[in-house]
Amino acid sequence: MLDRGSAEAYASWFGCLADPTRLQLLHLLAAAGEPMSVGALVSALGVGQSTVSAHVRRLAELEFVFVERAGTASLVRVNPDCLAEFPTAAEVVMGRTPVRPGSSAHALAPWQVGDRRA
């Protein structure tokens, strides 16, 4: 059984991805395989810089992406641990992967353990 804390954590992750622009951003970054500037993301998505920046901030809050300064530009890259581990969250929610005894999603997500920004 999925405990309430884990359900709330998963809901926050899926809620973050419930926006089409955020999904497009994450897809673009994952497909690129390398950091992209906010300007490049703006050009690729055809939305304003403030919109992209707001969505990047939201993705960064849950560590789906990392943002690094490079001079006056902000470079955004997808968190590779997130790409590897996030599908497990969907499998747990859908009942395809059992919840491990003693595990809880309201603790940090697997990709959020430790400082992996370097």
C-alpha atoms as a PDB file:
ATOM      1  CA  MET A   1       0.000   0.000   0.000  1.00  0.00           C
ATOM      2  CA  LEU A   2       1.267   3.441  -0.917  1.00  0.00           C
ATOM      3  CA  ASP A   3       1.452   5.524   2.264  1.00  0.00           C
ATOM      4  CA  ARG A   4       0.045   9.053   2.398  1.00  0.00           C
ATOM      5  CA  GLY A   5       3.459  10.775   2.565  1.00  0.00           C
ATOM      6  CA  SER A   6       4.680   8.921  -0.502  1.00  0.00           C
ATOM      7  CA  ALA A   7       1.457   9.672  -2.365  1.00  0.00           C
ATOM      8  CA  GLU A   8       1.871  13.384  -1.590  1.00  0.00           C
ATOM      9  CA  ALA A   9       5.490  13.356  -2.784  1.00  0.00           C
ATOM     10  CA  TYR A  10       4.599  11.552  -6.004  1.00  0.00           C
ATOM     11  CA  ALA A  11       1.713  13.983  -6.542  1.00  0.00           C
ATOM     12  CA  SER A  12       4.141  16.916  -6.307  1.00  0.00           C
ATOM     13  CA  TRP A  13       6.454  15.320  -8.886  1.00  0.00           C
ATOM     14  CA  PHE A  14       3.628  14.494 -11.283  1.00  0.00           C
ATOM     15  CA  GLY A  15       2.051  17.890 -10.621  1.00  0.00           C
ATOM     16  CA  CYS A  16       5.266  19.562 -11.678  1.00  0.00           C
ATOM     17  CA  LEU A  17       5.102  17.643 -14.945  1.00  0.00           C
ATOM     18  CA  ALA A  18       1.396  18.354 -15.495  1.00  0.00           C
ATOM     19  CA  ASP A  19       2.258  21.400 -17.595  1.00  0.00           C
ATOM     20  CA  PRO A  20       2.863  20.945 -21.335  1.00  0.00           C
ATOM     21  CA  THR A  21       5.635  23.556 -21.451  1.00  0.00           C
ATOM     22  CA  ARG A  22       7.521  21.882 -18.603  1.00  0.00           C
ATOM     23  CA  LEU A  23       7.176  18.535 -20.368  1.00  0.00           C
ATOM     24  CA  GLN A  24       8.514  20.081 -23.567  1.00  0.00           C
ATOM     25  CA  LEU A  25      11.431  21.636 -21.665  1.00  0.00           C
ATOM     26  CA  LEU A  26      12.341  18.374 -19.990  1.00  0.00           C
ATOM     27  CA  HIS A  27      12.047  16.476 -23.275  1.00  0.00           C
ATOM     28  CA  LEU A  28      14.185  19.020 -25.114  1.00  0.00           C
ATOM     29  CA  LEU A  29      16.917  18.881 -22.483  1.00  0.00           C
ATOM     30  CA  ALA A  30      16.859  15.082 -22.287  1.00  0.00           C
ATOM     31  CA  ALA A  31      17.053  14.773 -26.077  1.00  0.00           C
ATOM     32  CA  ALA A  32      19.847  17.360 -26.313  1.00  0.00           C
ATOM     33  CA  GLY A  33      22.011  15.439 -23.877  1.00  0.00           C
ATOM     34  CA  GLU A  34      23.899  18.603 -23.004  1.00  0.00           C
ATOM     35  CA  PRO A  35      23.165  21.877 -21.206  1.00  0.00           C
ATOM     36  CA  MET A  36      21.157  24.477 -23.104  1.00  0.00           C
ATOM     37  CA  SER A  37      20.953  28.177 -22.474  1.00  0.00           C
ATOM     38  CA  VAL A  38      17.645  29.733 -21.508  1.00  0.00           C
ATOM     39  CA  GLY A  39      17.852  31.681 -24.781  1.00  0.00           C
ATOM     40  CA  ALA A  40      18.131  28.451 -26.774  1.00  0.00           C
ATOM     41  CA  LEU A  41      15.161  27.015 -24.894  1.00  0.00           C
ATOM     42  CA  VAL A  42      13.146  30.168 -25.630  1.00  0.00           C
ATOM     43  CA  SER A  43      13.959  29.851 -29.355  1.00  0.00           C
ATOM     44  CA  ALA A  44      13.174  26.149 -29.471  1.00  0.00           C
ATOM     45  CA  LEU A  45       9.854  26.452 -27.635  1.00  0.00           C
ATOM     46  CA  GLY A  46       8.655  29.729 -29.089  1.00  0.00           C
ATOM     47  CA  VAL A  47       7.579  31.136 -25.727  1.00  0.00           C
ATOM     48  CA  GLY A  48       8.858  34.133 -23.797  1.00  0.00           C
ATOM     49  CA  GLN A  49      11.988  34.230 -21.690  1.00  0.00           C
ATOM     50  CA  SER A  50      10.063  34.900 -18.481  1.00  0.00           C
ATOM     51  CA  THR A  51       7.823  31.893 -19.160  1.00  0.00           C
ATOM     52  CA  VAL A  52      10.803  29.605 -19.766  1.00  0.00           C
ATOM     53  CA  SER A  53      12.587  30.932 -16.676  1.00  0.00           C
ATOM     54  CA  ALA A  54       9.531  30.329 -14.487  1.00  0.00           C
ATOM     55  CA  HIS A  55       9.163  26.763 -15.750  1.00  0.00           C
ATOM     56  CA  VAL A  56      12.880  26.073 -15.356  1.00  0.00           C
ATOM     57  CA  ARG A  57      12.686  27.312 -11.746  1.00  0.00           C
ATOM     58  CA  ARG A  58       9.810  24.934 -11.022  1.00  0.00           C
ATOM     59  CA  LEU A  59      11.654  21.975 -12.572  1.00  0.00           C
ATOM     60  CA  ALA A  60      14.787  22.906 -10.615  1.00  0.00           C
ATOM     61  CA  GLU A  61      12.857  22.978  -7.311  1.00  0.00           C
ATOM     62  CA  LEU A  62      12.298  19.230  -7.617  1.00  0.00           C
ATOM     63  CA  GLU A  63      15.712  18.650  -9.196  1.00  0.00           C
ATOM     64  CA  PHE A  64      14.408  17.486 -12.533  1.00  0.00           C
ATOM     65  CA  VAL A  65      16.947  19.964 -13.931  1.00  0.00           C
ATOM     66  CA  PHE A  66      20.013  21.843 -12.718  1.00  0.00           C
ATOM     67  CA  VAL A  67      20.768  25.464 -13.575  1.00  0.00           C
ATOM     68  CA  GLU A  68      24.331  26.749 -13.767  1.00  0.00           C
ATOM     69  CA  ARG A  69      25.602  30.240 -14.473  1.00  0.00           C
ATOM     70  CA  ALA A  70      28.000  30.685 -17.376  1.00  0.00           C
ATOM     71  CA  GLY A  71      28.903  34.356 -17.480  1.00  0.00           C
ATOM     72  CA  THR A  72      25.647  36.204 -18.066  1.00  0.00           C
ATOM     73  CA  ALA A  73      23.811  33.120 -19.349  1.00  0.00           C
ATOM     74  CA  SER A  74      22.020  30.402 -17.434  1.00  0.00           C
ATOM     75  CA  LEU A  75      22.676  26.877 -18.658  1.00  0.00           C
ATOM     76  CA  VAL A  76      20.043  24.266 -17.921  1.00  0.00           C
ATOM     77  CA  ARG A  77      20.685  20.539 -17.936  1.00  0.00           C
ATOM     78  CA  VAL A  78      18.497  17.585 -17.143  1.00  0.00           C
ATOM     79  CA  ASN A  79      19.363  15.608 -14.037  1.00  0.00           C
ATOM     80  CA  PRO A  80      20.551  12.240 -15.415  1.00  0.00           C
ATOM     81  CA  ASP A  81      19.627  10.479 -12.175  1.00  0.00           C
ATOM     82  CA  CYS A  82      16.073  11.721 -12.589  1.00  0.00           C
ATOM     83  CA  LEU A  83      15.905  10.288 -16.106  1.00  0.00           C
ATOM     84  CA  ALA A  84      17.055   6.923 -14.816  1.00  0.00           C
ATOM     85  CA  GLU A  85      14.896   6.778 -11.685  1.00  0.00           C
ATOM     86  CA  PHE A  86      11.677   8.693 -12.375  1.00  0.00           C
ATOM     87  CA  PRO A  87       9.979   5.879 -14.350  1.00  0.00           C
ATOM     88  CA  THR A  88      10.063   3.793 -11.167  1.00  0.00           C
ATOM     89  CA  ALA A  89       7.810   6.360  -9.485  1.00  0.00           C
ATOM     90  CA  ALA A  90       5.189   5.898 -12.200  1.00  0.00           C
ATOM     91  CA  GLU A  91       5.443   2.121 -11.863  1.00  0.00           C
ATOM     92  CA  VAL A  92       4.927   2.312  -8.095  1.00  0.00           C
ATOM     93  CA  VAL A  93       1.887   4.571  -8.460  1.00  0.00           C
ATOM     94  CA  MET A  94       0.380   2.286 -11.095  1.00  0.00           C
ATOM     95  CA  GLY A  95       0.975  -0.794  -8.923  1.00  0.00           C
ATOM     96  CA  ARG A  96       3.466  -2.376 -11.329  1.00  0.00           C
ATOM     97  CA  THR A  97       6.359  -2.151  -8.894  1.00  0.00           C
ATOM     98  CA  PRO A  98       5.710  -2.991  -5.262  1.00  0.00           C
ATOM     99  CA  VAL A  99       6.422  -0.401  -2.607  1.00  0.00           C
ATOM    100  CA  ARG A 100       9.516  -1.582  -0.780  1.00  0.00           C
ATOM    101  CA  PRO A 101       9.015  -2.037   2.966  1.00  0.00           C
ATOM    102  CA  GLY A 102      10.412   0.950   4.819  1.00  0.00           C
ATOM    103  CA  SER A 103      10.756   3.039   1.654  1.00  0.00           C
ATOM    104  CA  SER A 104       8.954   6.314   1.363  1.00  0.00           C
ATOM    105  CA  ALA A 105       8.813   8.821  -1.450  1.00  0.00           C
ATOM    106  CA  HIS A 106       8.334  11.686   0.965  1.00  0.00           C
ATOM    107  CA  ALA A 107      11.956  11.148   1.828  1.00  0.00           C
ATOM    108  CA  LEU A 108      14.117  12.379  -1.026  1.00  0.00           C
ATOM    109  CA  ALA A 109      13.637  10.951  -4.468  1.00  0.00           C
ATOM    110  CA  PRO A 110      16.444   8.627  -5.576  1.00  0.00           C
ATOM    111  CA  TRP A 111      17.799  11.379  -7.826  1.00  0.00           C
ATOM    112  CA  GLN A 112      17.717  13.883  -4.970  1.00  0.00           C
ATOM    113  CA  VAL A 113      19.990  11.953  -2.619  1.00  0.00           C
ATOM    114  CA  GLY A 114      23.250  13.799  -2.063  1.00  0.00           C
ATOM    115  CA  ASP A 115      24.525  16.729  -4.039  1.00  0.00           C
ATOM    116  CA  ARG A 116      24.745  15.606  -7.651  1.00  0.00           C
ATOM    117  CA  ARG A 117      24.937  19.039  -9.210  1.00  0.00           C
ATOM    118  CA  ALA A 118      28.641  18.937  -9.895  1.00  0.00           C
END
